[in-house]
Amino acid sequence: MHRVTIGRMRLEYRWWGARDGSGPVLVLLHEGLGCVEMWRDFPALLHRRTGLPVFAWSRAGYGGSGPAVLPRRIDYMHVEGRDAVGAVLDAAGIEEAVLVGHSDGASIAIVHAGTHAQPSNSRIRALVLIAPHVFCEDVSIASIRAAGDAYRDGGLRERLARYHGNQVDAAFFGWHDAWLRPEFRQWSIEEFLSRVTVPVLLIQGAQDAYGSAAQLDAIESGVAGPVTRRWLEGCGHAPHRERPEETLDAVEAFVRRLTRPD
């Protein structure tokens, strides 16, 4: 694991595979309670299946990165997408990328692509959005409340502490408390969709407790680029962990069409 300084933030990052310039880098953006290590073996499998280098980092306040400023503002995903993603890609020397975001990371990818839209920014080639959300749903709030109960009484804190160490409480409650503020009910990133002109792959579990098909409908009707959907029955909020082969199949086929259009 390596670290890079972006402004006042000290962020951990990791590469899988060599950068030979033959294609885009698959850049992983983690969920609201994630970090580099919580991707587990998915980055290595993704590199093996696609032949492309994979890059991931932990946002401030997560994993081995430095602390975040708390409490988080309700527009924290706007800030990450608008400012932090580009700075990290610059620091990593990534000139061509496919953003692969999960949950909060998918929202951040949308904000980045919609803020730094084509054709002025040719760096972002496509988006892979796993369990994305572009507006706040009642089901999301209910599940986050349930996560709070599991954190306090159900052993979730101990499981997350393996990844976030002594900043586990800040990582969890920074996410949890932001979503449960009353004003978060009006949170939306739909304004960015019309400026997303690159191809988009949507991957969603039918039993996702944090979001419904309405999220995919909003993205598909809102973006300007072509959209491919992969709907997984019997799958929850983390398709890359719960249904890894189908998720890898979908990403591999999507990237292959992108890099080898013939």
C-alpha atoms as a PDB file:
ATOM      1  CA  MET A   1       0.000   0.000   0.000  1.00  0.00           C
ATOM      2  CA  HIS A   2       1.246   3.468  -0.906  1.00  0.00           C
ATOM      3  CA  ARG A   3       0.187   6.965   0.123  1.00  0.00           C
ATOM      4  CA  VAL A   4      -0.196  10.276  -1.647  1.00  0.00           C
ATOM      5  CA  THR A   5      -0.861  13.764  -0.299  1.00  0.00           C
ATOM      6  CA  ILE A   6      -3.731  15.701  -1.904  1.00  0.00           C
ATOM      7  CA  GLY A   7      -4.006  19.133  -0.337  1.00  0.00           C
ATOM      8  CA  ARG A   8      -4.270  18.376   3.381  1.00  0.00           C
ATOM      9  CA  MET A   9      -5.328  14.774   2.852  1.00  0.00           C
ATOM     10  CA  ARG A  10      -2.992  11.794   3.123  1.00  0.00           C
ATOM     11  CA  LEU A  11      -4.603   8.970   1.135  1.00  0.00           C
ATOM     12  CA  GLU A  12      -3.678   5.309   0.779  1.00  0.00           C
ATOM     13  CA  TYR A  13      -3.794   3.704  -2.650  1.00  0.00           C
ATOM     14  CA  ARG A  14      -2.892   0.494  -4.453  1.00  0.00           C
ATOM     15  CA  TRP A  15      -2.292  -0.703  -8.019  1.00  0.00           C
ATOM     16  CA  TRP A  16      -3.013  -4.091  -9.559  1.00  0.00           C
ATOM     17  CA  GLY A  17      -1.195  -4.783 -12.840  1.00  0.00           C
ATOM     18  CA  ALA A  18       1.336  -2.794 -14.823  1.00  0.00           C
ATOM     19  CA  ARG A  19       0.476   0.384 -16.727  1.00  0.00           C
ATOM     20  CA  ASP A  20       1.594  -0.187 -20.306  1.00  0.00           C
ATOM     21  CA  GLY A  21      -0.576   2.445 -21.950  1.00  0.00           C
ATOM     22  CA  SER A  22      -2.539  -0.135 -23.966  1.00  0.00           C
ATOM     23  CA  GLY A  23      -5.912   0.803 -22.481  1.00  0.00           C
ATOM     24  CA  PRO A  24      -7.694   2.718 -19.745  1.00  0.00           C
ATOM     25  CA  VAL A  25      -7.138   2.196 -16.026  1.00  0.00           C
ATOM     26  CA  LEU A  26     -10.081   0.771 -14.093  1.00  0.00           C
ATOM     27  CA  VAL A  27     -10.407   3.164 -11.160  1.00  0.00           C
ATOM     28  CA  LEU A  28     -12.349   1.844  -8.153  1.00  0.00           C
ATOM     29  CA  LEU A  29     -14.418   4.219  -5.993  1.00  0.00           C
ATOM     30  CA  HIS A  30     -15.546   2.549  -2.768  1.00  0.00           C
ATOM     31  CA  GLU A  31     -18.860   2.586  -0.934  1.00  0.00           C
ATOM     32  CA  GLY A  32     -19.810   4.778   2.044  1.00  0.00           C
ATOM     33  CA  LEU A  33     -18.188   2.410   4.562  1.00  0.00           C
ATOM     34  CA  GLY A  34     -15.491   1.023   2.272  1.00  0.00           C
ATOM     35  CA  CYS A  35     -11.766   1.382   1.667  1.00  0.00           C
ATOM     36  CA  VAL A  36      -9.069  -0.221  -0.491  1.00  0.00           C
ATOM     37  CA  GLU A  37      -8.914  -3.440   1.531  1.00  0.00           C
ATOM     38  CA  MET A  38     -12.686  -3.879   1.559  1.00  0.00           C
ATOM     39  CA  TRP A  39     -12.641  -4.503  -2.196  1.00  0.00           C
ATOM     40  CA  ARG A  40     -10.974  -7.812  -1.170  1.00  0.00           C
ATOM     41  CA  ASP A  41     -10.001  -9.876  -4.229  1.00  0.00           C
ATOM     42  CA  PHE A  42     -12.251  -8.046  -6.694  1.00  0.00           C
ATOM     43  CA  PRO A  43      -9.499  -5.727  -8.051  1.00  0.00           C
ATOM     44  CA  ALA A  44      -7.122  -8.627  -8.724  1.00  0.00           C
ATOM     45  CA  LEU A  45      -9.891 -10.616 -10.432  1.00  0.00           C
ATOM     46  CA  LEU A  46     -10.913  -7.573 -12.453  1.00  0.00           C
ATOM     47  CA  HIS A  47      -7.331  -7.087 -13.630  1.00  0.00           C
ATOM     48  CA  ARG A  48      -7.028 -10.753 -14.534  1.00  0.00           C
ATOM     49  CA  ARG A  49     -10.296 -10.811 -16.473  1.00  0.00           C
ATOM     50  CA  THR A  50      -9.843  -7.558 -18.403  1.00  0.00           C
ATOM     51  CA  GLY A  51      -6.052  -7.368 -18.719  1.00  0.00           C
ATOM     52  CA  LEU A  52      -6.269  -3.719 -17.674  1.00  0.00           C
ATOM     53  CA  PRO A  53      -4.532  -2.105 -14.694  1.00  0.00           C
ATOM     54  CA  VAL A  54      -6.718  -1.413 -11.668  1.00  0.00           C
ATOM     55  CA  PHE A  55      -6.282   1.455  -9.213  1.00  0.00           C
ATOM     56  CA  ALA A  56      -8.089   2.095  -5.912  1.00  0.00           C
ATOM     57  CA  TRP A  57      -7.728   4.519  -3.041  1.00  0.00           C
ATOM     58  CA  SER A  58      -9.366   5.090   0.338  1.00  0.00           C
ATOM     59  CA  ARG A  59     -11.094   8.432   0.725  1.00  0.00           C
ATOM     60  CA  ALA A  60     -10.207  10.610   3.717  1.00  0.00           C
ATOM     61  CA  GLY A  61     -11.514   9.091   6.928  1.00  0.00           C
ATOM     62  CA  TYR A  62     -11.421   5.493   5.691  1.00  0.00           C
ATOM     63  CA  GLY A  63      -8.986   2.590   5.919  1.00  0.00           C
ATOM     64  CA  GLY A  64      -5.389   3.737   6.215  1.00  0.00           C
ATOM     65  CA  SER A  65      -6.013   7.238   4.866  1.00  0.00           C
ATOM     66  CA  GLY A  66      -5.861  10.322   7.054  1.00  0.00           C
ATOM     67  CA  PRO A  67      -8.890  11.673   8.911  1.00  0.00           C
ATOM     68  CA  ALA A  68     -11.811  13.454   7.297  1.00  0.00           C
ATOM     69  CA  VAL A  69     -13.341  16.728   8.428  1.00  0.00           C
ATOM     70  CA  LEU A  70     -16.468  15.883  10.446  1.00  0.00           C
ATOM     71  CA  PRO A  71     -19.394  16.190  10.522  1.00  0.00           C
ATOM     72  CA  ARG A  72     -19.704  15.439   6.820  1.00  0.00           C
ATOM     73  CA  ARG A  73     -21.703  17.954   4.816  1.00  0.00           C
ATOM     74  CA  ILE A  74     -24.720  16.577   2.986  1.00  0.00           C
ATOM     75  CA  ASP A  75     -22.972  17.423  -0.296  1.00  0.00           C
ATOM     76  CA  TYR A  76     -19.866  15.382   0.586  1.00  0.00           C
ATOM     77  CA  MET A  77     -20.276  13.230  -2.544  1.00  0.00           C
ATOM     78  CA  HIS A  78     -20.533  16.380  -4.667  1.00  0.00           C
ATOM     79  CA  VAL A  79     -17.233  17.598  -3.198  1.00  0.00           C
ATOM     80  CA  GLU A  80     -15.487  14.248  -3.737  1.00  0.00           C
ATOM     81  CA  GLY A  81     -16.648  13.998  -7.342  1.00  0.00           C
ATOM     82  CA  ARG A  82     -15.983  17.614  -8.242  1.00  0.00           C
ATOM     83  CA  ASP A  83     -12.618  18.087  -6.547  1.00  0.00           C
ATOM     84  CA  ALA A  84     -11.004  14.961  -5.116  1.00  0.00           C
ATOM     85  CA  VAL A  85     -11.299  12.441  -7.967  1.00  0.00           C
ATOM     86  CA  GLY A  86      -9.489  14.580 -10.502  1.00  0.00           C
ATOM     87  CA  ALA A  87      -6.745  15.452  -8.022  1.00  0.00           C
ATOM     88  CA  VAL A  88      -6.123  11.772  -7.234  1.00  0.00           C
ATOM     89  CA  LEU A  89      -6.075  10.808 -10.910  1.00  0.00           C
ATOM     90  CA  ASP A  90      -3.584  13.604 -11.564  1.00  0.00           C
ATOM     91  CA  ALA A  91      -1.356  12.462  -8.706  1.00  0.00           C
ATOM     92  CA  ALA A  92      -1.491   8.853  -9.921  1.00  0.00           C
ATOM     93  CA  GLY A  93      -0.652   9.875 -13.487  1.00  0.00           C
ATOM     94  CA  ILE A  94      -3.849   8.345 -14.884  1.00  0.00           C
ATOM     95  CA  GLU A  95      -4.635   9.851 -18.277  1.00  0.00           C
ATOM     96  CA  GLU A  96      -7.433   7.495 -19.339  1.00  0.00           C
ATOM     97  CA  ALA A  97      -9.886   5.875 -16.925  1.00  0.00           C
ATOM     98  CA  VAL A  98     -13.059   3.873 -16.527  1.00  0.00           C
ATOM     99  CA  LEU A  99     -14.575   4.817 -13.174  1.00  0.00           C
ATOM    100  CA  VAL A 100     -15.963   1.766 -11.332  1.00  0.00           C
ATOM    101  CA  GLY A 101     -18.013   3.011  -8.398  1.00  0.00           C
ATOM    102  CA  HIS A 102     -19.983   1.143  -5.746  1.00  0.00           C
ATOM    103  CA  SER A 103     -22.872   2.866  -3.905  1.00  0.00           C
ATOM    104  CA  ASP A 104     -21.471   6.236  -2.707  1.00  0.00           C
ATOM    105  CA  GLY A 105     -18.559   5.641  -5.070  1.00  0.00           C
ATOM    106  CA  ALA A 106     -20.985   5.306  -7.988  1.00  0.00           C
ATOM    107  CA  SER A 107     -22.578   8.638  -7.055  1.00  0.00           C
ATOM    108  CA  ILE A 108     -19.144  10.250  -6.861  1.00  0.00           C
ATOM    109  CA  ALA A 109     -18.312   8.862 -10.321  1.00  0.00           C
ATOM    110  CA  ILE A 110     -21.478  10.427 -11.760  1.00  0.00           C
ATOM    111  CA  VAL A 111     -20.679  13.799 -10.219  1.00  0.00           C
ATOM    112  CA  HIS A 112     -17.138  13.708 -11.588  1.00  0.00           C
ATOM    113  CA  ALA A 113     -18.213  12.708 -15.098  1.00  0.00           C
ATOM    114  CA  GLY A 114     -21.012  15.273 -15.078  1.00  0.00           C
ATOM    115  CA  THR A 115     -18.807  18.070 -13.760  1.00  0.00           C
ATOM    116  CA  HIS A 116     -15.831  17.407 -16.020  1.00  0.00           C
ATOM    117  CA  ALA A 117     -17.878  16.471 -19.054  1.00  0.00           C
ATOM    118  CA  GLN A 118     -16.734  15.506 -22.518  1.00  0.00           C
ATOM    119  CA  PRO A 119     -15.411  16.681 -24.900  1.00  0.00           C
ATOM    120  CA  SER A 120     -13.279  19.037 -22.783  1.00  0.00           C
ATOM    121  CA  ASN A 121     -12.259  16.116 -20.557  1.00  0.00           C
ATOM    122  CA  SER A 122     -11.225  13.057 -22.569  1.00  0.00           C
ATOM    123  CA  ARG A 123      -9.841  11.207 -19.533  1.00  0.00           C
ATOM    124  CA  ILE A 124     -13.057   9.439 -18.467  1.00  0.00           C
ATOM    125  CA  ARG A 125     -13.922   6.767 -21.044  1.00  0.00           C
ATOM    126  CA  ALA A 126     -16.898   5.143 -19.291  1.00  0.00           C
ATOM    127  CA  LEU A 127     -18.666   4.539 -15.968  1.00  0.00           C
ATOM    128  CA  VAL A 128     -19.430   1.245 -14.245  1.00  0.00           C
ATOM    129  CA  LEU A 129     -22.024   1.989 -11.556  1.00  0.00           C
ATOM    130  CA  ILE A 130     -22.676  -0.755  -9.000  1.00  0.00           C
ATOM    131  CA  ALA A 131     -25.741  -0.165  -6.779  1.00  0.00           C
ATOM    132  CA  PRO A 132     -25.782   3.566  -7.601  1.00  0.00           C
ATOM    133  CA  HIS A 133     -27.994   6.208  -6.029  1.00  0.00           C
ATOM    134  CA  VAL A 134     -28.819   9.617  -7.501  1.00  0.00           C
ATOM    135  CA  PHE A 135     -31.532  10.662  -5.061  1.00  0.00           C
ATOM    136  CA  CYS A 136     -32.598   9.735  -1.528  1.00  0.00           C
ATOM    137  CA  GLU A 137     -35.196   6.973  -1.069  1.00  0.00           C
ATOM    138  CA  ASP A 138     -37.103   5.877   2.031  1.00  0.00           C
ATOM    139  CA  VAL A 139     -35.606   2.393   1.692  1.00  0.00           C
ATOM    140  CA  SER A 140     -32.108   3.900   1.951  1.00  0.00           C
ATOM    141  CA  ILE A 141     -32.915   5.758   5.156  1.00  0.00           C
ATOM    142  CA  ALA A 142     -34.530   2.687   6.733  1.00  0.00           C
ATOM    143  CA  SER A 143     -31.497   0.535   5.924  1.00  0.00           C
ATOM    144  CA  ILE A 144     -29.064   3.115   7.274  1.00  0.00           C
ATOM    145  CA  ARG A 145     -31.031   3.263  10.528  1.00  0.00           C
ATOM    146  CA  ALA A 146     -30.810  -0.526  10.693  1.00  0.00           C
ATOM    147  CA  ALA A 147     -27.056  -0.335  10.056  1.00  0.00           C
ATOM    148  CA  GLY A 148     -26.809   2.030  13.043  1.00  0.00           C
ATOM    149  CA  ASP A 149     -28.511  -0.565  15.245  1.00  0.00           C
ATOM    150  CA  ALA A 150     -26.178  -3.277  13.947  1.00  0.00           C
ATOM    151  CA  TYR A 151     -23.166  -1.063  14.588  1.00  0.00           C
ATOM    152  CA  ARG A 152     -24.148  -0.341  18.177  1.00  0.00           C
ATOM    153  CA  ASP A 153     -25.453  -3.790  19.123  1.00  0.00           C
ATOM    154  CA  GLY A 154     -24.883  -6.331  16.372  1.00  0.00           C
ATOM    155  CA  GLY A 155     -21.138  -6.696  15.875  1.00  0.00           C
ATOM    156  CA  LEU A 156     -20.836  -4.476  12.784  1.00  0.00           C
ATOM    157  CA  ARG A 157     -18.368  -2.207  14.581  1.00  0.00           C
ATOM    158  CA  GLU A 158     -15.959  -5.072  15.181  1.00  0.00           C
ATOM    159  CA  ARG A 159     -16.129  -6.194  11.560  1.00  0.00           C
ATOM    160  CA  LEU A 160     -15.493  -2.692  10.212  1.00  0.00           C
ATOM    161  CA  ALA A 161     -12.685  -2.047  12.718  1.00  0.00           C
ATOM    162  CA  ARG A 162     -10.593  -4.680  10.906  1.00  0.00           C
ATOM    163  CA  TYR A 163     -10.452  -2.273   7.959  1.00  0.00           C
ATOM    164  CA  HIS A 164     -10.712   1.191   9.497  1.00  0.00           C
ATOM    165  CA  GLY A 165      -8.769   0.709  12.735  1.00  0.00           C
ATOM    166  CA  ASN A 166      -9.007   3.434  15.339  1.00  0.00           C
ATOM    167  CA  GLN A 167     -11.000   5.725  13.062  1.00  0.00           C
ATOM    168  CA  VAL A 168     -13.848   3.234  12.673  1.00  0.00           C
ATOM    169  CA  ASP A 169     -16.335   5.335  14.661  1.00  0.00           C
ATOM    170  CA  ALA A 170     -15.569   8.426  12.600  1.00  0.00           C
ATOM    171  CA  ALA A 171     -15.888   6.429   9.371  1.00  0.00           C
ATOM    172  CA  PHE A 172     -19.232   4.933  10.336  1.00  0.00           C
ATOM    173  CA  PHE A 173     -20.944   7.879  11.975  1.00  0.00           C
ATOM    174  CA  GLY A 174     -19.597  10.351   9.432  1.00  0.00           C
ATOM    175  CA  TRP A 175     -21.576   8.398   6.802  1.00  0.00           C
ATOM    176  CA  HIS A 176     -24.533   7.373   8.979  1.00  0.00           C
ATOM    177  CA  ASP A 177     -25.210  10.792  10.496  1.00  0.00           C
ATOM    178  CA  ALA A 178     -24.969  12.644   7.180  1.00  0.00           C
ATOM    179  CA  TRP A 179     -27.615  10.437   5.567  1.00  0.00           C
ATOM    180  CA  LEU A 180     -29.954  10.685   8.561  1.00  0.00           C
ATOM    181  CA  ARG A 181     -29.989  14.472   8.723  1.00  0.00           C
ATOM    182  CA  PRO A 182     -33.495  15.693   7.765  1.00  0.00           C
ATOM    183  CA  GLU A 183     -32.160  17.843   4.920  1.00  0.00           C
ATOM    184  CA  PHE A 184     -30.597  14.790   3.274  1.00  0.00           C
ATOM    185  CA  ARG A 185     -34.094  13.828   2.122  1.00  0.00           C
ATOM    186  CA  GLN A 186     -33.654  16.470  -0.590  1.00  0.00           C
ATOM    187  CA  TRP A 187     -30.214  15.212  -1.640  1.00  0.00           C
ATOM    188  CA  SER A 188     -29.898  14.587  -5.379  1.00  0.00           C
ATOM    189  CA  ILE A 189     -27.244  14.458  -8.085  1.00  0.00           C
ATOM    190  CA  GLU A 190     -29.715  14.176 -10.975  1.00  0.00           C
ATOM    191  CA  GLU A 191     -28.571  17.564 -12.266  1.00  0.00           C
ATOM    192  CA  PHE A 192     -25.273  15.951 -13.373  1.00  0.00           C
ATOM    193  CA  LEU A 193     -26.829  13.175 -15.453  1.00  0.00           C
ATOM    194  CA  SER A 194     -27.472  15.115 -18.649  1.00  0.00           C
ATOM    195  CA  ARG A 195     -23.757  15.955 -18.864  1.00  0.00           C
ATOM    196  CA  VAL A 196     -22.680  12.304 -18.679  1.00  0.00           C
ATOM    197  CA  THR A 197     -21.940  11.505 -22.324  1.00  0.00           C
ATOM    198  CA  VAL A 198     -19.798   8.380 -21.945  1.00  0.00           C
ATOM    199  CA  PRO A 199     -21.078   4.764 -21.964  1.00  0.00           C
ATOM    200  CA  VAL A 200     -22.555   3.591 -18.665  1.00  0.00           C
ATOM    201  CA  LEU A 201     -22.898   0.068 -17.230  1.00  0.00           C
ATOM    202  CA  LEU A 202     -25.452  -0.301 -14.396  1.00  0.00           C
ATOM    203  CA  ILE A 203     -25.228  -3.331 -12.080  1.00  0.00           C
ATOM    204  CA  GLN A 204     -27.924  -3.743  -9.438  1.00  0.00           C
ATOM    205  CA  GLY A 205     -29.081  -6.495  -7.105  1.00  0.00           C
ATOM    206  CA  ALA A 206     -32.826  -7.057  -7.091  1.00  0.00           C
ATOM    207  CA  GLN A 207     -32.766  -7.388  -3.288  1.00  0.00           C
ATOM    208  CA  ASP A 208     -30.663  -4.280  -2.663  1.00  0.00           C
ATOM    209  CA  ALA A 209     -31.814  -2.888   0.694  1.00  0.00           C
ATOM    210  CA  TYR A 210     -30.338   0.554  -0.028  1.00  0.00           C
ATOM    211  CA  GLY A 211     -31.935   1.423  -3.358  1.00  0.00           C
ATOM    212  CA  SER A 212     -34.546   0.403  -5.914  1.00  0.00           C
ATOM    213  CA  ALA A 213     -34.785   0.127  -9.699  1.00  0.00           C
ATOM    214  CA  ALA A 214     -35.977   3.748  -9.672  1.00  0.00           C
ATOM    215  CA  GLN A 215     -32.329   4.754  -9.343  1.00  0.00           C
ATOM    216  CA  LEU A 216     -31.432   2.922 -12.564  1.00  0.00           C
ATOM    217  CA  ASP A 217     -34.460   4.347 -14.338  1.00  0.00           C
ATOM    218  CA  ALA A 218     -33.418   7.886 -13.417  1.00  0.00           C
ATOM    219  CA  ILE A 219     -29.857   7.313 -14.635  1.00  0.00           C
ATOM    220  CA  GLU A 220     -30.869   5.645 -17.892  1.00  0.00           C
ATOM    221  CA  SER A 221     -33.370   8.360 -18.768  1.00  0.00           C
ATOM    222  CA  GLY A 222     -31.083  11.161 -17.640  1.00  0.00           C
ATOM    223  CA  VAL A 223     -27.653  10.477 -19.137  1.00  0.00           C
ATOM    224  CA  ALA A 224     -26.688  11.402 -22.688  1.00  0.00           C
ATOM    225  CA  GLY A 225     -24.523   8.334 -23.347  1.00  0.00           C
ATOM    226  CA  PRO A 226     -25.506   4.704 -24.028  1.00  0.00           C
ATOM    227  CA  VAL A 227     -26.576   2.589 -21.049  1.00  0.00           C
ATOM    228  CA  THR A 228     -26.290  -1.164 -20.386  1.00  0.00           C
ATOM    229  CA  ARG A 229     -28.096  -2.730 -17.427  1.00  0.00           C
ATOM    230  CA  ARG A 230     -27.285  -5.911 -15.501  1.00  0.00           C
ATOM    231  CA  TRP A 231     -30.068  -6.832 -13.058  1.00  0.00           C
ATOM    232  CA  LEU A 232     -29.164  -9.639 -10.636  1.00  0.00           C
ATOM    233  CA  GLU A 233     -31.938 -11.600  -8.947  1.00  0.00           C
ATOM    234  CA  GLY A 234     -31.196 -12.918  -5.481  1.00  0.00           C
ATOM    235  CA  CYS A 235     -28.510 -10.289  -4.943  1.00  0.00           C
ATOM    236  CA  GLY A 236     -28.256  -7.459  -2.435  1.00  0.00           C
ATOM    237  CA  HIS A 237     -26.233  -4.258  -2.214  1.00  0.00           C
ATOM    238  CA  ALA A 238     -22.793  -5.651  -3.095  1.00  0.00           C
ATOM    239  CA  PRO A 239     -22.926  -7.573  -6.411  1.00  0.00           C
ATOM    240  CA  HIS A 240     -19.117  -7.695  -6.676  1.00  0.00           C
ATOM    241  CA  ARG A 241     -19.039  -9.689  -3.412  1.00  0.00           C
ATOM    242  CA  GLU A 242     -22.346 -11.565  -3.599  1.00  0.00           C
ATOM    243  CA  ARG A 243     -22.296 -12.423  -7.314  1.00  0.00           C
ATOM    244  CA  PRO A 244     -18.677 -11.899  -8.347  1.00  0.00           C
ATOM    245  CA  GLU A 245     -18.670 -14.027 -11.516  1.00  0.00           C
ATOM    246  CA  GLU A 246     -21.712 -12.335 -13.021  1.00  0.00           C
ATOM    247  CA  THR A 247     -20.372  -8.923 -12.057  1.00  0.00           C
ATOM    248  CA  LEU A 248     -16.988  -9.694 -13.590  1.00  0.00           C
ATOM    249  CA  ASP A 249     -18.659 -11.059 -16.727  1.00  0.00           C
ATOM    250  CA  ALA A 250     -20.641  -7.835 -17.121  1.00  0.00           C
ATOM    251  CA  VAL A 251     -17.651  -5.559 -16.589  1.00  0.00           C
ATOM    252  CA  GLU A 252     -15.398  -7.626 -18.862  1.00  0.00           C
ATOM    253  CA  ALA A 253     -17.924  -7.567 -21.721  1.00  0.00           C
ATOM    254  CA  PHE A 254     -18.538  -3.840 -21.253  1.00  0.00           C
ATOM    255  CA  VAL A 255     -14.842  -2.967 -21.222  1.00  0.00           C
ATOM    256  CA  ARG A 256     -14.151  -5.253 -24.185  1.00  0.00           C
ATOM    257  CA  ARG A 257     -16.753  -3.398 -26.261  1.00  0.00           C
ATOM    258  CA  LEU A 258     -15.170  -0.140 -25.181  1.00  0.00           C
ATOM    259  CA  THR A 259     -11.584  -1.055 -26.013  1.00  0.00           C
ATOM    260  CA  ARG A 260     -12.238  -3.388 -28.977  1.00  0.00           C
ATOM    261  CA  PRO A 261     -15.319  -2.044 -30.769  1.00  0.00           C
ATOM    262  CA  ASP A 262     -14.879  -4.525 -33.630  1.00  0.00           C
END
